[in-house]
Amino acid sequence: MRITIKSFWPAIIWFILSSIAFCLPGQTLPQNDWFAIIQLDKWIHIGLFTVMVFLWCLPLFHRPGIHLSFTKLFIGISIAFFGYGIVMELIQHFFIPNRAFDFGDIAADAIGCLLGFFFVRWQWKQ
């Protein structure tokens, strides 16, 4: 099934909502023990970044005059959002109360970017 999104508005809204979520102080987040057991935080990072890469890449299918190959664009977008994930971890560490830098979150961001890349590439080839 091919998904068609021609506008960047869903990507912009997703980016803003994700950025707000990343900047929430630690005391506003749930502290349930079972969240740690199932590593819910990591799964959320994977999902957020998968959707983010997908939403930013998908409208490019409908843009005329793109001179780079789609694969190069998808890779560039994936790398850019991986960098964004690292920057958000640094912002959480230095500027957000009760939040910390976590290499596990960065790994989850990378997995999400890769999944988004492969999913959008699969959509492009259909």
Protein backbone atom coordinates (compact mmCIF):
# COMPACT_ATOMS: atom_id res chain seq x y z
CA MET A 1 0.00 0.00 0.00
CA ARG A 2 1.47 3.31 -1.06
CA ILE A 3 1.06 6.23 1.35
CA THR A 4 0.75 9.66 -0.27
CA ILE A 5 1.54 12.87 1.59
CA LYS A 6 2.22 15.90 -0.58
CA SER A 7 2.59 18.56 2.11
CA PHE A 8 5.29 19.17 4.68
CA TRP A 9 2.71 20.30 7.26
CA PRO A 10 2.39 16.90 8.95
CA ALA A 11 6.20 16.77 9.23
CA ILE A 12 6.37 20.30 10.66
CA ILE A 13 3.66 19.57 13.23
CA TRP A 14 5.32 16.25 14.20
CA PHE A 15 8.69 18.03 14.58
CA ILE A 16 7.20 20.75 16.82
CA LEU A 17 5.31 18.27 19.01
CA SER A 18 8.39 16.03 19.31
CA SER A 19 10.58 18.98 20.24
CA ILE A 20 8.11 20.01 22.94
CA ALA A 21 8.09 16.45 24.30
CA PHE A 22 11.90 16.31 24.35
CA CYS A 23 12.03 19.57 26.32
CA LEU A 24 9.59 18.58 29.06
CA PRO A 25 11.16 18.63 32.54
CA GLY A 26 11.84 15.20 34.01
CA GLN A 27 9.30 15.53 36.82
CA THR A 28 6.44 15.78 34.28
CA LEU A 29 7.23 12.34 32.82
CA PRO A 30 5.72 9.14 34.26
CA GLN A 31 8.02 7.26 36.64
CA ASN A 32 6.46 3.78 36.55
CA ASP A 33 8.77 0.83 37.23
CA TRP A 34 7.39 -1.19 34.33
CA PHE A 35 8.41 1.61 31.90
CA ALA A 36 12.01 0.81 32.76
CA ILE A 37 11.48 -2.92 32.46
CA ILE A 38 10.17 -2.73 28.89
CA GLN A 39 12.43 0.23 27.99
CA LEU A 40 9.37 2.24 26.89
CA ASP A 41 11.47 5.39 26.50
CA LYS A 42 13.63 3.73 23.83
CA TRP A 43 10.60 2.46 21.92
CA ILE A 44 9.13 5.97 21.96
CA HIS A 45 12.39 7.39 20.55
CA ILE A 46 12.40 4.75 17.79
CA GLY A 47 8.80 5.57 16.89
CA LEU A 48 9.25 9.34 16.98
CA PHE A 49 12.29 9.29 14.70
CA THR A 50 10.85 6.70 12.31
CA VAL A 51 7.78 8.85 11.76
CA MET A 52 9.84 12.06 11.60
CA VAL A 53 12.14 10.80 8.82
CA PHE A 54 9.19 9.29 6.97
CA LEU A 55 7.11 12.48 7.12
CA TRP A 56 9.98 14.67 5.92
CA CYS A 57 10.92 12.37 3.04
CA LEU A 58 7.50 11.46 1.70
CA PRO A 59 6.51 14.87 0.24
CA LEU A 60 9.72 14.88 -1.80
CA PHE A 61 8.18 12.31 -4.15
CA HIS A 62 5.90 15.06 -5.43
CA ARG A 63 8.46 17.87 -5.78
CA PRO A 64 9.55 18.64 -9.35
CA GLY A 65 13.08 19.69 -10.11
CA ILE A 66 14.93 17.70 -7.46
CA HIS A 67 18.44 17.30 -8.85
CA LEU A 68 19.80 14.83 -6.27
CA SER A 69 18.75 11.23 -6.30
CA PHE A 70 16.01 10.36 -3.85
CA THR A 71 18.32 7.95 -2.04
CA LYS A 72 20.84 10.74 -1.35
CA LEU A 73 18.05 13.00 -0.10
CA PHE A 74 16.67 10.27 2.16
CA ILE A 75 20.13 9.58 3.57
CA GLY A 76 20.71 13.30 4.14
CA ILE A 77 17.40 13.72 5.94
CA SER A 78 18.09 10.63 8.08
CA ILE A 79 21.54 11.92 9.06
CA ALA A 80 20.12 15.38 9.81
CA PHE A 81 17.53 13.95 12.18
CA PHE A 82 20.11 11.73 13.83
CA GLY A 83 22.12 14.91 14.48
CA TYR A 84 18.95 16.54 15.81
CA GLY A 85 18.56 13.63 18.25
CA ILE A 86 22.11 14.14 19.55
CA VAL A 87 21.52 17.89 19.94
CA MET A 88 18.28 17.24 21.84
CA GLU A 89 20.13 14.89 24.22
CA LEU A 90 22.69 17.63 24.88
CA ILE A 91 19.93 20.19 25.44
CA GLN A 92 18.22 17.81 27.87
CA HIS A 93 21.48 17.28 29.73
CA PHE A 94 22.48 20.91 30.08
CA PHE A 95 19.22 22.88 30.06
CA ILE A 96 16.21 20.73 31.02
CA PRO A 97 15.67 20.03 34.75
CA ASN A 98 15.76 16.36 35.78
CA ARG A 99 16.73 15.15 32.30
CA ALA A 100 20.03 13.51 31.38
CA PHE A 101 22.16 12.61 28.38
CA ASP A 102 21.55 8.99 27.43
CA PHE A 103 23.53 7.03 24.83
CA GLY A 104 20.66 4.53 24.73
CA ASP A 105 18.34 7.27 23.50
CA ILE A 106 20.84 8.18 20.79
CA ALA A 107 21.00 4.54 19.71
CA ALA A 108 17.18 4.42 19.63
CA ASP A 109 17.15 7.64 17.56
CA ALA A 110 19.59 6.05 15.10
CA ILE A 111 17.42 2.93 14.81
CA GLY A 112 14.35 5.12 14.24
CA CYS A 113 16.14 7.11 11.52
CA LEU A 114 17.21 3.88 9.82
CA LEU A 115 13.71 2.43 9.99
CA GLY A 116 12.27 5.66 8.60
CA PHE A 117 14.84 5.62 5.78
CA PHE A 118 14.10 2.01 4.85
CA PHE A 119 10.34 2.49 5.09
CA VAL A 120 10.33 5.58 2.87
CA ARG A 121 12.70 3.89 0.41
CA TRP A 122 10.33 0.93 0.27
CA GLN A 123 7.44 3.34 -0.40
CA TRP A 124 9.45 5.03 -3.16
CA LYS A 125 10.18 1.72 -4.92
CA GLN A 126 6.49 0.67 -4.97
